[in-house]
Amino acid sequence: MDQATIVGYALAYVGVIIAVFLMLLPALIIFAFLLLVAGAVLVVILFLNALAVGLYRSLARTLRNVADRLHRMRQGGRLTPHLPGR
């Protein structure tokens, strides 16, 4: 094989690689877009999870404070002694 044939084959090889890349480019773009959408959905789910945990904690704290206040009002603000045997 002479040098011109090798160069011709190399150029054809590079041309085929470029053509295949261009044919697969729409699929690669769609795949990249789907990855971006999936990442955005995960960020939204993470935000909603954090919001739900914060809401749950604040609601639990509020209910605990209300329960503590009711117990203090009922007992006159002090603990009732529990004597053994009674």
PDB file of N, CA and C in Angstrom:
ATOM      1  N   MET A   1       0.842  -1.170   0.000  1.00  0.00           N
ATOM      2  CA  MET A   1       0.000   0.000   0.000  1.00  0.00           C
ATOM      3  C   MET A   1       0.885   1.231   0.000  1.00  0.00           C
ATOM      4  N   ASP A   2       0.515   2.139  -0.839  1.00  0.00           N
ATOM      5  CA  ASP A   2       1.299   3.371  -0.866  1.00  0.00           C
ATOM      6  C   ASP A   2       0.715   4.383   0.113  1.00  0.00           C
ATOM      7  N   GLN A   3       1.419   5.462   0.280  1.00  0.00           N
ATOM      8  CA  GLN A   3       1.058   6.458   1.284  1.00  0.00           C
ATOM      9  C   GLN A   3      -0.265   7.138   0.950  1.00  0.00           C
ATOM     10  N   ALA A   4      -0.583   7.376  -0.283  1.00  0.00           N
ATOM     11  CA  ALA A   4      -1.831   8.037  -0.674  1.00  0.00           C
ATOM     12  C   ALA A   4      -3.038   7.176  -0.301  1.00  0.00           C
ATOM     13  N   THR A   5      -2.913   5.868  -0.465  1.00  0.00           N
ATOM     14  CA  THR A   5      -4.020   4.974  -0.102  1.00  0.00           C
ATOM     15  C   THR A   5      -4.259   5.001   1.404  1.00  0.00           C
ATOM     16  N   ILE A   6      -3.192   4.979   2.191  1.00  0.00           N
ATOM     17  CA  ILE A   6      -3.323   5.016   3.653  1.00  0.00           C
ATOM     18  C   ILE A   6      -3.965   6.327   4.091  1.00  0.00           C
ATOM     19  N   VAL A   7      -3.554   7.433   3.500  1.00  0.00           N
ATOM     20  CA  VAL A   7      -4.139   8.736   3.834  1.00  0.00           C
ATOM     21  C   VAL A   7      -5.604   8.766   3.424  1.00  0.00           C
ATOM     22  N   GLY A   8      -5.936   8.192   2.264  1.00  0.00           N
ATOM     23  CA  GLY A   8      -7.333   8.143   1.814  1.00  0.00           C
ATOM     24  C   GLY A   8      -8.196   7.333   2.760  1.00  0.00           C
ATOM     25  N   TYR A   9      -7.679   6.165   3.192  1.00  0.00           N
ATOM     26  CA  TYR A   9      -8.418   5.348   4.151  1.00  0.00           C
ATOM     27  C   TYR A   9      -8.592   6.085   5.485  1.00  0.00           C
ATOM     28  N   ALA A  10      -7.568   6.769   5.926  1.00  0.00           N
ATOM     29  CA  ALA A  10      -7.645   7.509   7.188  1.00  0.00           C
ATOM     30  C   ALA A  10      -8.679   8.630   7.104  1.00  0.00           C
ATOM     31  N   LEU A  11      -8.697   9.342   5.974  1.00  0.00           N
ATOM     32  CA  LEU A  11      -9.698  10.407   5.806  1.00  0.00           C
ATOM     33  C   LEU A  11     -11.106   9.830   5.741  1.00  0.00           C
ATOM     34  N   ALA A  12     -11.263   8.697   5.062  1.00  0.00           N
ATOM     35  CA  ALA A  12     -12.578   8.055   4.996  1.00  0.00           C
ATOM     36  C   ALA A  12     -13.018   7.597   6.392  1.00  0.00           C
ATOM     37  N   TYR A  13     -12.082   7.048   7.150  1.00  0.00           N
ATOM     38  CA  TYR A  13     -12.368   6.594   8.511  1.00  0.00           C
ATOM     39  C   TYR A  13     -12.825   7.761   9.383  1.00  0.00           C
ATOM     40  N   VAL A  14     -12.115   8.880   9.312  1.00  0.00           N
ATOM     41  CA  VAL A  14     -12.489  10.073  10.081  1.00  0.00           C
ATOM     42  C   VAL A  14     -13.836  10.603   9.604  1.00  0.00           C
ATOM     43  N   GLY A  15     -14.076  10.572   8.303  1.00  0.00           N
ATOM     44  CA  GLY A  15     -15.362  11.023   7.767  1.00  0.00           C
ATOM     45  C   GLY A  15     -16.517  10.169   8.261  1.00  0.00           C
ATOM     46  N   VAL A  16     -16.312   8.858   8.314  1.00  0.00           N
ATOM     47  CA  VAL A  16     -17.365   7.965   8.822  1.00  0.00           C
ATOM     48  C   VAL A  16     -17.621   8.230  10.298  1.00  0.00           C
ATOM     49  N   ILE A  17     -16.565   8.453  11.062  1.00  0.00           N
ATOM     50  CA  ILE A  17     -16.738   8.756  12.491  1.00  0.00           C
ATOM     51  C   ILE A  17     -17.549  10.038  12.668  1.00  0.00           C
ATOM     52  N   ILE A  18     -17.243  11.048  11.886  1.00  0.00           N
ATOM     53  CA  ILE A  18     -17.979  12.318  11.969  1.00  0.00           C
ATOM     54  C   ILE A  18     -19.428  12.122  11.547  1.00  0.00           C
ATOM     55  N   ALA A  19     -19.661  11.342  10.484  1.00  0.00           N
ATOM     56  CA  ALA A  19     -21.027  11.101  10.017  1.00  0.00           C
ATOM     57  C   ALA A  19     -21.842  10.349  11.067  1.00  0.00           C
ATOM     58  N   VAL A  20     -21.252   9.340  11.689  1.00  0.00           N
ATOM     59  CA  VAL A  20     -21.962   8.586  12.734  1.00  0.00           C
ATOM     60  C   VAL A  20     -22.256   9.494  13.922  1.00  0.00           C
ATOM     61  N   PHE A  21     -21.299  10.332  14.295  1.00  0.00           N
ATOM     62  CA  PHE A  21     -21.530  11.267  15.399  1.00  0.00           C
ATOM     63  C   PHE A  21     -22.681  12.216  15.076  1.00  0.00           C
ATOM     64  N   LEU A  22     -22.711  12.726  13.842  1.00  0.00           N
ATOM     65  CA  LEU A  22     -23.791  13.638  13.458  1.00  0.00           C
ATOM     66  C   LEU A  22     -25.135  12.926  13.416  1.00  0.00           C
ATOM     67  N   MET A  23     -25.146  11.651  13.035  1.00  0.00           N
ATOM     68  CA  MET A  23     -26.409  10.907  13.028  1.00  0.00           C
ATOM     69  C   MET A  23     -26.897  10.642  14.452  1.00  0.00           C
ATOM     70  N   LEU A  24     -25.980  10.417  15.374  1.00  0.00           N
ATOM     71  CA  LEU A  24     -26.364  10.138  16.758  1.00  0.00           C
ATOM     72  C   LEU A  24     -26.540  11.403  17.593  1.00  0.00           C
ATOM     73  N   LEU A  25     -26.226  12.554  17.046  1.00  0.00           N
ATOM     74  CA  LEU A  25     -26.300  13.806  17.798  1.00  0.00           C
ATOM     75  C   LEU A  25     -27.707  14.101  18.326  1.00  0.00           C
ATOM     76  N   PRO A  26     -28.780  13.921  17.540  1.00  0.00           N
ATOM     77  CA  PRO A  26     -30.112  14.165  18.115  1.00  0.00           C
ATOM     78  C   PRO A  26     -30.415  13.261  19.309  1.00  0.00           C
ATOM     79  N   ALA A  27     -30.014  11.996  19.226  1.00  0.00           N
ATOM     80  CA  ALA A  27     -30.242  11.092  20.356  1.00  0.00           C
ATOM     81  C   ALA A  27     -29.428  11.529  21.569  1.00  0.00           C
ATOM     82  N   LEU A  28     -28.206  11.979  21.347  1.00  0.00           N
ATOM     83  CA  LEU A  28     -27.379  12.448  22.460  1.00  0.00           C
ATOM     84  C   LEU A  28     -27.964  13.705  23.096  1.00  0.00           C
ATOM     85  N   ILE A  29     -28.507  14.583  22.265  1.00  0.00           N
ATOM     86  CA  ILE A  29     -29.124  15.807  22.790  1.00  0.00           C
ATOM     87  C   ILE A  29     -30.357  15.462  23.622  1.00  0.00           C
ATOM     88  N   ILE A  30     -31.182  14.538  23.116  1.00  0.00           N
ATOM     89  CA  ILE A  30     -32.378  14.130  23.862  1.00  0.00           C
ATOM     90  C   ILE A  30     -31.984  13.470  25.180  1.00  0.00           C
ATOM     91  N   PHE A  31     -30.964  12.622  25.142  1.00  0.00           N
ATOM     92  CA  PHE A  31     -30.495  11.965  26.360  1.00  0.00           C
ATOM     93  C   PHE A  31     -29.990  12.991  27.372  1.00  0.00           C
ATOM     94  N   ALA A  32     -29.239  13.974  26.924  1.00  0.00           N
ATOM     95  CA  ALA A  32     -28.744  15.023  27.823  1.00  0.00           C
ATOM     96  C   ALA A  32     -29.905  15.831  28.398  1.00  0.00           C
ATOM     97  N   PHE A  33     -30.909  16.117  27.574  1.00  0.00           N
ATOM     98  CA  PHE A  33     -32.081  16.847  28.047  1.00  0.00           C
ATOM     99  C   PHE A  33     -32.834  16.033  29.101  1.00  0.00           C
ATOM    100  N   LEU A  34     -32.973  14.728  28.874  1.00  0.00           N
ATOM    101  CA  LEU A  34     -33.644  13.883  29.858  1.00  0.00           C
ATOM    102  C   LEU A  34     -32.873  13.834  31.175  1.00  0.00           C
ATOM    103  N   LEU A  35     -31.552  13.810  31.092  1.00  0.00           N
ATOM    104  CA  LEU A  35     -30.750  13.848  32.318  1.00  0.00           C
ATOM    105  C   LEU A  35     -30.949  15.161  33.073  1.00  0.00           C
ATOM    106  N   LEU A  36     -31.030  16.267  32.342  1.00  0.00           N
ATOM    107  CA  LEU A  36     -31.271  17.559  32.991  1.00  0.00           C
ATOM    108  C   LEU A  36     -32.644  17.599  33.649  1.00  0.00           C
ATOM    109  N   VAL A  37     -33.656  17.072  32.965  1.00  0.00           N
ATOM    110  CA  VAL A  37     -35.009  17.047  33.527  1.00  0.00           C
ATOM    111  C   VAL A  37     -35.048  16.158  34.765  1.00  0.00           C
ATOM    112  N   ALA A  38     -34.389  14.998  34.700  1.00  0.00           N
ATOM    113  CA  ALA A  38     -34.357  14.109  35.864  1.00  0.00           C
ATOM    114  C   ALA A  38     -33.662  14.784  37.045  1.00  0.00           C
ATOM    115  N   GLY A  39     -32.589  15.502  36.788  1.00  0.00           N
ATOM    116  CA  GLY A  39     -31.913  16.227  37.859  1.00  0.00           C
ATOM    117  C   GLY A  39     -32.795  17.310  38.458  1.00  0.00           C
ATOM    118  N   ALA A  40     -33.528  18.018  37.603  1.00  0.00           N
ATOM    119  CA  ALA A  40     -34.433  19.056  38.101  1.00  0.00           C
ATOM    120  C   ALA A  40     -35.548  18.442  38.941  1.00  0.00           C
ATOM    121  N   VAL A  41     -36.068  17.305  38.506  1.00  0.00           N
ATOM    122  CA  VAL A  41     -37.116  16.629  39.272  1.00  0.00           C
ATOM    123  C   VAL A  41     -36.572  16.186  40.628  1.00  0.00           C
ATOM    124  N   LEU A  42     -35.347  15.678  40.660  1.00  0.00           N
ATOM    125  CA  LEU A  42     -34.749  15.273  41.931  1.00  0.00           C
ATOM    126  C   LEU A  42     -34.559  16.465  42.866  1.00  0.00           C
ATOM    127  N   VAL A  43     -34.180  17.607  42.322  1.00  0.00           N
ATOM    128  CA  VAL A  43     -34.023  18.805  43.153  1.00  0.00           C
ATOM    129  C   VAL A  43     -35.376  19.229  43.725  1.00  0.00           C
ATOM    130  N   VAL A  44     -36.427  19.173  42.913  1.00  0.00           N
ATOM    131  CA  VAL A  44     -37.767  19.534  43.395  1.00  0.00           C
ATOM    132  C   VAL A  44     -38.225  18.556  44.472  1.00  0.00           C
ATOM    133  N   ILE A  45     -37.977  17.263  44.270  1.00  0.00           N
ATOM    134  CA  ILE A  45     -38.359  16.267  45.273  1.00  0.00           C
ATOM    135  C   ILE A  45     -37.585  16.491  46.568  1.00  0.00           C
ATOM    136  N   LEU A  46     -36.311  16.812  46.465  1.00  0.00           N
ATOM    137  CA  LEU A  46     -35.504  17.099  47.652  1.00  0.00           C
ATOM    138  C   LEU A  46     -36.050  18.318  48.395  1.00  0.00           C
ATOM    139  N   PHE A  47     -36.429  19.355  47.649  1.00  0.00           N
ATOM    140  CA  PHE A  47     -36.999  20.557  48.265  1.00  0.00           C
ATOM    141  C   PHE A  47     -38.322  20.238  48.956  1.00  0.00           C
ATOM    142  N   LEU A  48     -39.195  19.468  48.292  1.00  0.00           N
ATOM    143  CA  LEU A  48     -40.481  19.114  48.891  1.00  0.00           C
ATOM    144  C   LEU A  48     -40.290  18.239  50.126  1.00  0.00           C
ATOM    145  N   ASN A  49     -39.303  17.362  50.087  1.00  0.00           N
ATOM    146  CA  ASN A  49     -39.016  16.523  51.251  1.00  0.00           C
ATOM    147  C   ASN A  49     -38.561  17.382  52.426  1.00  0.00           C
ATOM    148  N   ALA A  50     -37.668  18.324  52.172  1.00  0.00           N
ATOM    149  CA  ALA A  50     -37.202  19.216  53.234  1.00  0.00           C
ATOM    150  C   ALA A  50     -38.354  20.061  53.772  1.00  0.00           C
ATOM    151  N   LEU A  51     -39.225  20.514  52.890  1.00  0.00           N
ATOM    152  CA  LEU A  51     -40.384  21.298  53.310  1.00  0.00           C
ATOM    153  C   LEU A  51     -41.320  20.465  54.178  1.00  0.00           C
ATOM    154  N   ALA A  52     -41.556  19.215  53.787  1.00  0.00           N
ATOM    155  CA  ALA A  52     -42.437  18.341  54.558  1.00  0.00           C
ATOM    156  C   ALA A  52     -41.844  18.035  55.929  1.00  0.00           C
ATOM    157  N   VAL A  53     -40.542  17.790  55.992  1.00  0.00           N
ATOM    158  CA  VAL A  53     -39.903  17.511  57.280  1.00  0.00           C
ATOM    159  C   VAL A  53     -39.972  18.742  58.175  1.00  0.00           C
ATOM    160  N   GLY A  54     -39.725  19.913  57.628  1.00  0.00           N
ATOM    161  CA  GLY A  54     -39.824  21.137  58.418  1.00  0.00           C
ATOM    162  C   GLY A  54     -41.234  21.383  58.920  1.00  0.00           C
ATOM    163  N   LEU A  55     -42.224  21.145  58.055  1.00  0.00           N
ATOM    164  CA  LEU A  55     -43.619  21.316  58.460  1.00  0.00           C
ATOM    165  C   LEU A  55     -43.985  20.322  59.550  1.00  0.00           C
ATOM    166  N   TYR A  56     -43.542  19.078  59.398  1.00  0.00           N
ATOM    167  CA  TYR A  56     -43.824  18.056  60.406  1.00  0.00           C
ATOM    168  C   TYR A  56     -43.191  18.423  61.741  1.00  0.00           C
ATOM    169  N   ARG A  57     -41.931  18.886  61.716  1.00  0.00           N
ATOM    170  CA  ARG A  57     -41.258  19.250  62.965  1.00  0.00           C
ATOM    171  C   ARG A  57     -41.928  20.438  63.640  1.00  0.00           C
ATOM    172  N   SER A  58     -42.314  21.439  62.857  1.00  0.00           N
ATOM    173  CA  SER A  58     -42.956  22.606  63.466  1.00  0.00           C
ATOM    174  C   SER A  58     -44.325  22.241  64.027  1.00  0.00           C
ATOM    175  N   LEU A  59     -45.058  21.376  63.334  1.00  0.00           N
ATOM    176  CA  LEU A  59     -46.360  20.938  63.832  1.00  0.00           C
ATOM    177  C   LEU A  59     -46.195  20.113  65.106  1.00  0.00           C
ATOM    178  N   ALA A  60     -45.206  19.234  65.131  1.00  0.00           N
ATOM    179  CA  ALA A  60     -44.959  18.429  66.333  1.00  0.00           C
ATOM    180  C   ALA A  60     -44.556  19.320  67.498  1.00  0.00           C
ATOM    181  N   ARG A  61     -43.716  20.326  67.240  1.00  0.00           N
ATOM    182  CA  ARG A  61     -43.301  21.245  68.299  1.00  0.00           C
ATOM    183  C   ARG A  61     -44.501  22.032  68.824  1.00  0.00           C
ATOM    184  N   THR A  62     -45.367  22.478  67.925  1.00  0.00           N
ATOM    185  CA  THR A  62     -46.551  23.228  68.338  1.00  0.00           C
ATOM    186  C   THR A  62     -47.473  22.362  69.183  1.00  0.00           C
ATOM    187  N   LEU A  63     -47.721  21.136  68.732  1.00  0.00           N
ATOM    188  CA  LEU A  63     -48.598  20.250  69.498  1.00  0.00           C
ATOM    189  C   LEU A  63     -47.981  19.890  70.847  1.00  0.00           C
ATOM    190  N   ARG A  64     -46.662  19.720  70.903  1.00  0.00           N
ATOM    191  CA  ARG A  64     -45.993  19.423  72.161  1.00  0.00           C
ATOM    192  C   ARG A  64     -46.128  20.603  73.119  1.00  0.00           C
ATOM    193  N   ASN A  65     -45.979  21.824  72.605  1.00  0.00           N
ATOM    194  CA  ASN A  65     -46.120  23.010  73.457  1.00  0.00           C
ATOM    195  C   ASN A  65     -47.543  23.146  73.975  1.00  0.00           C
ATOM    196  N   VAL A  66     -48.526  22.866  73.117  1.00  0.00           N
ATOM    197  CA  VAL A  66     -49.928  22.940  73.556  1.00  0.00           C
ATOM    198  C   VAL A  66     -50.188  21.892  74.629  1.00  0.00           C
ATOM    199  N   ALA A  67     -49.686  20.679  74.432  1.00  0.00           N
ATOM    200  CA  ALA A  67     -49.887  19.618  75.424  1.00  0.00           C
ATOM    201  C   ALA A  67     -49.207  19.978  76.739  1.00  0.00           C
ATOM    202  N   ASP A  68     -48.002  20.514  76.683  1.00  0.00           N
ATOM    203  CA  ASP A  68     -47.308  20.924  77.908  1.00  0.00           C
ATOM    204  C   ASP A  68     -48.079  22.030  78.627  1.00  0.00           C
ATOM    205  N   ARG A  69     -48.606  22.974  77.870  1.00  0.00           N
ATOM    206  CA  ARG A  69     -49.368  24.068  78.471  1.00  0.00           C
ATOM    207  C   ARG A  69     -50.641  23.541  79.135  1.00  0.00           C
ATOM    208  N   LEU A  70     -51.318  22.585  78.495  1.00  0.00           N
ATOM    209  CA  LEU A  70     -52.526  22.009  79.084  1.00  0.00           C
ATOM    210  C   LEU A  70     -52.205  21.242  80.360  1.00  0.00           C
ATOM    211  N   HIS A  71     -51.103  20.513  80.373  1.00  0.00           N
ATOM    212  CA  HIS A  71     -50.719  19.771  81.575  1.00  0.00           C
ATOM    213  C   HIS A  71     -50.369  20.725  82.711  1.00  0.00           C
ATOM    214  N   ARG A  72     -49.691  21.822  82.407  1.00  0.00           N
ATOM    215  CA  ARG A  72     -49.338  22.790  83.448  1.00  0.00           C
ATOM    216  C   ARG A  72     -50.583  23.459  84.014  1.00  0.00           C
ATOM    217  N   MET A  73     -51.555  23.775  83.160  1.00  0.00           N
ATOM    218  CA  MET A  73     -52.777  24.422  83.638  1.00  0.00           C
ATOM    219  C   MET A  73     -53.571  23.467  84.525  1.00  0.00           C
ATOM    220  N   ARG A  74     -53.604  22.211  84.174  1.00  0.00           N
ATOM    221  CA  ARG A  74     -54.385  21.236  84.919  1.00  0.00           C
ATOM    222  C   ARG A  74     -53.751  20.939  86.280  1.00  0.00           C
ATOM    223  N   GLN A  75     -52.441  20.983  86.379  1.00  0.00           N
ATOM    224  CA  GLN A  75     -51.748  20.599  87.606  1.00  0.00           C
ATOM    225  C   GLN A  75     -51.294  21.807  88.421  1.00  0.00           C
ATOM    226  N   GLY A  76     -51.678  22.954  88.066  1.00  0.00           N
ATOM    227  CA  GLY A  76     -51.281  24.128  88.815  1.00  0.00           C
ATOM    228  C   GLY A  76     -49.837  24.531  88.575  1.00  0.00           C
ATOM    229  N   GLY A  77     -49.239  24.048  87.537  1.00  0.00           N
ATOM    230  CA  GLY A  77     -47.888  24.449  87.200  1.00  0.00           C
ATOM    231  C   GLY A  77     -46.807  23.646  87.887  1.00  0.00           C
ATOM    232  N   ARG A  78     -47.190  22.633  88.670  1.00  0.00           N
ATOM    233  CA  ARG A  78     -46.161  21.821  89.321  1.00  0.00           C
ATOM    234  C   ARG A  78     -46.475  20.342  89.093  1.00  0.00           C
ATOM    235  N   LEU A  79     -45.487  19.533  89.308  1.00  0.00           N
ATOM    236  CA  LEU A  79     -45.652  18.099  89.106  1.00  0.00           C
ATOM    237  C   LEU A  79     -46.430  17.491  90.260  1.00  0.00           C
ATOM    238  N   THR A  80     -47.255  16.506  89.970  1.00  0.00           N
ATOM    239  CA  THR A  80     -47.984  15.810  91.030  1.00  0.00           C
ATOM    240  C   THR A  80     -47.127  14.656  91.522  1.00  0.00           C
ATOM    241  N   PRO A  81     -47.040  14.489  92.829  1.00  0.00           N
ATOM    242  CA  PRO A  81     -46.225  13.381  93.348  1.00  0.00           C
ATOM    243  C   PRO A  81     -46.950  12.055  93.157  1.00  0.00           C
ATOM    244  N   HIS A  82     -46.215  11.062  92.808  1.00  0.00           N
ATOM    245  CA  HIS A  82     -46.755   9.711  92.683  1.00  0.00           C
ATOM    246  C   HIS A  82     -46.149   8.886  93.804  1.00  0.00           C
ATOM    247  N   LEU A  83     -46.961   8.580  94.771  1.00  0.00           N
ATOM    248  CA  LEU A  83     -46.481   7.845  95.931  1.00  0.00           C
ATOM    249  C   LEU A  83     -46.671   6.352  95.687  1.00  0.00           C
ATOM    250  N   PRO A  84     -45.691   5.551  96.041  1.00  0.00           N
ATOM    251  CA  PRO A  84     -45.843   4.103  95.828  1.00  0.00           C
ATOM    252  C   PRO A  84     -46.885   3.525  96.773  1.00  0.00           C
ATOM    253  N   GLY A  85     -47.628   2.570  96.292  1.00  0.00           N
ATOM    254  CA  GLY A  85     -48.626   1.897  97.111  1.00  0.00           C
ATOM    255  C   GLY A  85     -49.991   2.546  97.063  1.00  0.00           C
ATOM    256  N   ARG A  86     -50.164   3.610  96.359  1.00  0.00           N
ATOM    257  CA  ARG A  86     -51.475   4.264  96.286  1.00  0.00           C
ATOM    258  C   ARG A  86     -52.090   4.072  94.946  1.00  0.00           C
TER     259      ARG A  86
END
